[in-house]
Amino acid sequence: MKLRSLFLTLMALSITACTPAQPIEEGLVISDARVQAPLKGKAITAGYFDITNHSKVDDAIIGIESPISNKVELHKSAQVDGVMKMRRQVSVDLKAGETISFKPGGYHVMFFGVELPHDAEDAALTFKFKHSPDVVIIAEIAGAAAHASHH
């Protein structure tokens, strides 16, 4: 009898484990996206985010577009001969199941010719991929309150 009840308990647990409470995310998921408000008098700034490839297929970011900027580039900072250098990246590979963090000191996005309304709190970013369809997200403008107070 004990063996049968143990078996039933294990069956119930395995059924519960296979039924997620919320849907599992699929495809390319971008999170924690933020664009730094440009410094006063500057039209250049940086953006950061995390991206996870939940698919079973390797992909690559091949570009980002935004109405706040006339040119957006993927960049990577790295130590070269003891000096921090920033290099433009034509694309950034996203292996299946991998998460990449775009953050200061590593991969990041550079925005050139930035024009932000003085009260802007967020900005649309359109991510372009090698294989997947475009993904549009809304990124927070970090430091937007400080940016708005200068105008």
C-alpha atoms as a PDB file:
ATOM      1  CA  MET A   1       0.000   0.000   0.000  1.00  0.00           C
ATOM      2  CA  LYS A   2       2.805   2.412   0.849  1.00  0.00           C
ATOM      3  CA  LEU A   3       4.462   1.765  -2.500  1.00  0.00           C
ATOM      4  CA  ARG A   4       1.202   2.521  -4.341  1.00  0.00           C
ATOM      5  CA  SER A   5       0.660   5.817  -2.479  1.00  0.00           C
ATOM      6  CA  LEU A   6       4.289   6.808  -3.097  1.00  0.00           C
ATOM      7  CA  PHE A   7       3.795   6.060  -6.792  1.00  0.00           C
ATOM      8  CA  LEU A   8       0.599   8.176  -6.930  1.00  0.00           C
ATOM      9  CA  THR A   9       2.331  11.052  -5.128  1.00  0.00           C
ATOM     10  CA  LEU A  10       5.244  10.944  -7.574  1.00  0.00           C
ATOM     11  CA  MET A  11       2.812  10.862 -10.528  1.00  0.00           C
ATOM     12  CA  ALA A  12       0.958  13.904  -9.187  1.00  0.00           C
ATOM     13  CA  LEU A  13       4.255  15.776  -8.718  1.00  0.00           C
ATOM     14  CA  SER A  14       5.459  14.952 -12.227  1.00  0.00           C
ATOM     15  CA  ILE A  15       2.170  16.132 -13.767  1.00  0.00           C
ATOM     16  CA  THR A  16       2.380  19.384 -11.777  1.00  0.00           C
ATOM     17  CA  ALA A  17       6.006  19.915 -12.827  1.00  0.00           C
ATOM     18  CA  CYS A  18       5.063  19.556 -16.510  1.00  0.00           C
ATOM     19  CA  THR A  19       2.287  22.123 -16.354  1.00  0.00           C
ATOM     20  CA  PRO A  20       3.769  25.588 -15.920  1.00  0.00           C
ATOM     21  CA  ALA A  21       1.700  28.165 -14.049  1.00  0.00           C
ATOM     22  CA  GLN A  22       2.461  30.690 -16.786  1.00  0.00           C
ATOM     23  CA  PRO A  23       3.369  30.184 -20.431  1.00  0.00           C
ATOM     24  CA  ILE A  24       7.031  29.561 -21.181  1.00  0.00           C
ATOM     25  CA  GLU A  25       8.592  32.443 -23.099  1.00  0.00           C
ATOM     26  CA  GLU A  26       9.605  31.623 -26.648  1.00  0.00           C
ATOM     27  CA  GLY A  27      11.715  33.254 -29.299  1.00  0.00           C
ATOM     28  CA  LEU A  28      13.907  36.241 -28.585  1.00  0.00           C
ATOM     29  CA  VAL A  29      13.032  38.029 -25.347  1.00  0.00           C
ATOM     30  CA  ILE A  30      14.437  41.475 -24.558  1.00  0.00           C
ATOM     31  CA  SER A  31      14.252  42.706 -20.959  1.00  0.00           C
ATOM     32  CA  ASP A  32      15.492  45.569 -18.751  1.00  0.00           C
ATOM     33  CA  ALA A  33      15.900  47.870 -21.776  1.00  0.00           C
ATOM     34  CA  ARG A  34      16.969  51.426 -21.024  1.00  0.00           C
ATOM     35  CA  VAL A  35      18.446  54.324 -22.935  1.00  0.00           C
ATOM     36  CA  GLN A  36      20.531  56.868 -21.046  1.00  0.00           C
ATOM     37  CA  ALA A  37      19.252  60.423 -21.440  1.00  0.00           C
ATOM     38  CA  PRO A  38      21.956  62.306 -23.359  1.00  0.00           C
ATOM     39  CA  LEU A  39      24.067  64.754 -21.415  1.00  0.00           C
ATOM     40  CA  LYS A  40      23.004  68.371 -21.817  1.00  0.00           C
ATOM     41  CA  GLY A  41      24.101  69.690 -25.195  1.00  0.00           C
ATOM     42  CA  LYS A  42      25.031  66.224 -26.510  1.00  0.00           C
ATOM     43  CA  ALA A  43      23.259  64.191 -29.210  1.00  0.00           C
ATOM     44  CA  ILE A  44      24.987  60.877 -28.428  1.00  0.00           C
ATOM     45  CA  THR A  45      23.991  58.330 -25.804  1.00  0.00           C
ATOM     46  CA  ALA A  46      24.076  54.619 -24.969  1.00  0.00           C
ATOM     47  CA  GLY A  47      21.484  51.914 -24.413  1.00  0.00           C
ATOM     48  CA  TYR A  48      21.491  48.672 -22.461  1.00  0.00           C
ATOM     49  CA  PHE A  49      19.315  45.543 -22.223  1.00  0.00           C
ATOM     50  CA  ASP A  50      19.350  41.775 -21.720  1.00  0.00           C
ATOM     51  CA  ILE A  51      18.364  39.468 -24.565  1.00  0.00           C
ATOM     52  CA  THR A  52      17.607  35.762 -24.291  1.00  0.00           C
ATOM     53  CA  ASN A  53      17.260  33.388 -27.223  1.00  0.00           C
ATOM     54  CA  HIS A  54      14.554  30.968 -26.050  1.00  0.00           C
ATOM     55  CA  SER A  55      14.412  29.291 -29.461  1.00  0.00           C
ATOM     56  CA  LYS A  56      16.274  26.184 -30.573  1.00  0.00           C
ATOM     57  CA  VAL A  57      17.923  28.105 -33.440  1.00  0.00           C
ATOM     58  CA  ASP A  58      21.027  30.299 -33.326  1.00  0.00           C
ATOM     59  CA  ASP A  59      20.314  33.859 -34.458  1.00  0.00           C
ATOM     60  CA  ALA A  60      22.015  37.278 -34.446  1.00  0.00           C
ATOM     61  CA  ILE A  61      21.092  40.898 -33.826  1.00  0.00           C
ATOM     62  CA  ILE A  62      21.922  42.707 -37.085  1.00  0.00           C
ATOM     63  CA  GLY A  63      20.642  46.159 -36.148  1.00  0.00           C
ATOM     64  CA  ILE A  64      18.433  48.391 -34.027  1.00  0.00           C
ATOM     65  CA  GLU A  65      16.346  51.353 -35.156  1.00  0.00           C
ATOM     66  CA  SER A  66      14.662  54.071 -33.103  1.00  0.00           C
ATOM     67  CA  PRO A  67      12.752  57.251 -33.941  1.00  0.00           C
ATOM     68  CA  ILE A  68      14.843  59.119 -31.316  1.00  0.00           C
ATOM     69  CA  SER A  69      18.071  58.676 -33.294  1.00  0.00           C
ATOM     70  CA  ASN A  70      19.200  58.992 -36.903  1.00  0.00           C
ATOM     71  CA  LYS A  71      21.867  56.274 -36.458  1.00  0.00           C
ATOM     72  CA  VAL A  72      22.032  53.340 -34.030  1.00  0.00           C
ATOM     73  CA  GLU A  73      25.061  51.042 -33.807  1.00  0.00           C
ATOM     74  CA  LEU A  74      25.928  47.881 -31.882  1.00  0.00           C
ATOM     75  CA  HIS A  75      29.216  48.311 -29.994  1.00  0.00           C
ATOM     76  CA  LYS A  76      31.492  46.313 -27.733  1.00  0.00           C
ATOM     77  CA  SER A  77      33.962  47.709 -25.235  1.00  0.00           C
ATOM     78  CA  ALA A  78      37.070  45.674 -24.541  1.00  0.00           C
ATOM     79  CA  GLN A  79      40.515  46.094 -23.018  1.00  0.00           C
ATOM     80  CA  VAL A  80      43.142  46.335 -25.765  1.00  0.00           C
ATOM     81  CA  ASP A  81      46.744  46.697 -24.561  1.00  0.00           C
ATOM     82  CA  GLY A  82      45.526  48.056 -21.230  1.00  0.00           C
ATOM     83  CA  VAL A  83      43.241  50.664 -22.832  1.00  0.00           C
ATOM     84  CA  MET A  84      39.443  50.441 -22.952  1.00  0.00           C
ATOM     85  CA  LYS A  85      38.374  50.623 -26.611  1.00  0.00           C
ATOM     86  CA  MET A  86      34.925  50.662 -28.170  1.00  0.00           C
ATOM     87  CA  ARG A  87      34.405  48.837 -31.468  1.00  0.00           C
ATOM     88  CA  ARG A  88      31.375  48.790 -33.739  1.00  0.00           C
ATOM     89  CA  GLN A  89      29.852  45.328 -34.235  1.00  0.00           C
ATOM     90  CA  VAL A  90      28.131  44.483 -37.541  1.00  0.00           C
ATOM     91  CA  SER A  91      26.103  41.844 -35.671  1.00  0.00           C
ATOM     92  CA  VAL A  92      25.989  40.065 -32.314  1.00  0.00           C
ATOM     93  CA  ASP A  93      25.477  36.293 -32.327  1.00  0.00           C
ATOM     94  CA  LEU A  94      22.738  34.828 -30.113  1.00  0.00           C
ATOM     95  CA  LYS A  95      23.175  31.101 -29.633  1.00  0.00           C
ATOM     96  CA  ALA A  96      20.072  29.033 -28.851  1.00  0.00           C
ATOM     97  CA  GLY A  97      19.353  29.157 -25.105  1.00  0.00           C
ATOM     98  CA  GLU A  98      21.878  31.965 -24.507  1.00  0.00           C
ATOM     99  CA  THR A  99      21.364  35.277 -22.651  1.00  0.00           C
ATOM    100  CA  ILE A 100      23.573  38.255 -23.458  1.00  0.00           C
ATOM    101  CA  SER A 101      23.636  41.384 -21.309  1.00  0.00           C
ATOM    102  CA  PHE A 102      24.288  44.684 -23.064  1.00  0.00           C
ATOM    103  CA  LYS A 103      25.800  46.773 -20.261  1.00  0.00           C
ATOM    104  CA  PRO A 104      28.544  49.332 -19.590  1.00  0.00           C
ATOM    105  CA  GLY A 105      31.978  47.835 -20.254  1.00  0.00           C
ATOM    106  CA  GLY A 106      30.731  45.192 -22.711  1.00  0.00           C
ATOM    107  CA  TYR A 107      28.195  45.026 -25.506  1.00  0.00           C
ATOM    108  CA  HIS A 108      26.042  48.169 -25.704  1.00  0.00           C
ATOM    109  CA  VAL A 109      24.084  50.252 -28.191  1.00  0.00           C
ATOM    110  CA  MET A 110      25.194  53.727 -29.313  1.00  0.00           C
ATOM    111  CA  PHE A 111      22.622  56.282 -30.462  1.00  0.00           C
ATOM    112  CA  PHE A 112      23.812  59.162 -32.671  1.00  0.00           C
ATOM    113  CA  GLY A 113      21.894  62.330 -33.591  1.00  0.00           C
ATOM    114  CA  VAL A 114      19.559  61.831 -30.628  1.00  0.00           C
ATOM    115  CA  GLU A 115      16.501  64.074 -30.472  1.00  0.00           C
ATOM    116  CA  LEU A 116      14.339  63.584 -27.400  1.00  0.00           C
ATOM    117  CA  PRO A 117      11.266  65.613 -26.506  1.00  0.00           C
ATOM    118  CA  HIS A 118      12.053  67.317 -23.154  1.00  0.00           C
ATOM    119  CA  ASP A 119       9.373  65.217 -21.401  1.00  0.00           C
ATOM    120  CA  ALA A 120      10.266  61.841 -22.982  1.00  0.00           C
ATOM    121  CA  GLU A 121      10.167  58.946 -20.516  1.00  0.00           C
ATOM    122  CA  ASP A 122      10.583  56.087 -22.987  1.00  0.00           C
ATOM    123  CA  ALA A 123      11.550  55.301 -26.570  1.00  0.00           C
ATOM    124  CA  ALA A 124      10.611  52.631 -29.097  1.00  0.00           C
ATOM    125  CA  LEU A 125      13.427  50.350 -30.255  1.00  0.00           C
ATOM    126  CA  THR A 126      13.064  47.998 -33.237  1.00  0.00           C
ATOM    127  CA  PHE A 127      15.449  45.051 -33.096  1.00  0.00           C
ATOM    128  CA  LYS A 128      16.432  43.454 -36.435  1.00  0.00           C
ATOM    129  CA  PHE A 129      17.590  39.838 -36.520  1.00  0.00           C
ATOM    130  CA  LYS A 130      19.274  37.528 -39.011  1.00  0.00           C
ATOM    131  CA  HIS A 131      16.472  34.923 -38.880  1.00  0.00           C
ATOM    132  CA  SER A 132      13.681  36.068 -36.554  1.00  0.00           C
ATOM    133  CA  PRO A 133      11.088  38.745 -37.305  1.00  0.00           C
ATOM    134  CA  ASP A 134      11.644  42.264 -35.950  1.00  0.00           C
ATOM    135  CA  VAL A 135      10.891  42.824 -32.251  1.00  0.00           C
ATOM    136  CA  VAL A 136       9.665  46.242 -31.096  1.00  0.00           C
ATOM    137  CA  ILE A 137      10.036  47.160 -27.434  1.00  0.00           C
ATOM    138  CA  ILE A 138       9.630  50.293 -25.350  1.00  0.00           C
ATOM    139  CA  ALA A 139      12.797  51.225 -23.441  1.00  0.00           C
ATOM    140  CA  GLU A 140      12.866  53.492 -20.411  1.00  0.00           C
ATOM    141  CA  ILE A 141      14.824  56.734 -20.761  1.00  0.00           C
ATOM    142  CA  ALA A 142      17.143  56.480 -17.745  1.00  0.00           C
ATOM    143  CA  GLY A 143      17.777  59.851 -16.155  1.00  0.00           C
ATOM    144  CA  ALA A 144      14.775  61.344 -18.000  1.00  0.00           C
ATOM    145  CA  ALA A 145      13.823  63.525 -15.003  1.00  0.00           C
ATOM    146  CA  ALA A 146      17.311  65.060 -14.945  1.00  0.00           C
ATOM    147  CA  HIS A 147      17.176  65.519 -18.719  1.00  0.00           C
ATOM    148  CA  ALA A 148      13.772  67.250 -18.552  1.00  0.00           C
ATOM    149  CA  SER A 149      14.854  69.629 -15.770  1.00  0.00           C
ATOM    150  CA  HIS A 150      17.631  71.061 -17.957  1.00  0.00           C
ATOM    151  CA  HIS A 151      15.162  72.472 -20.512  1.00  0.00           C
END
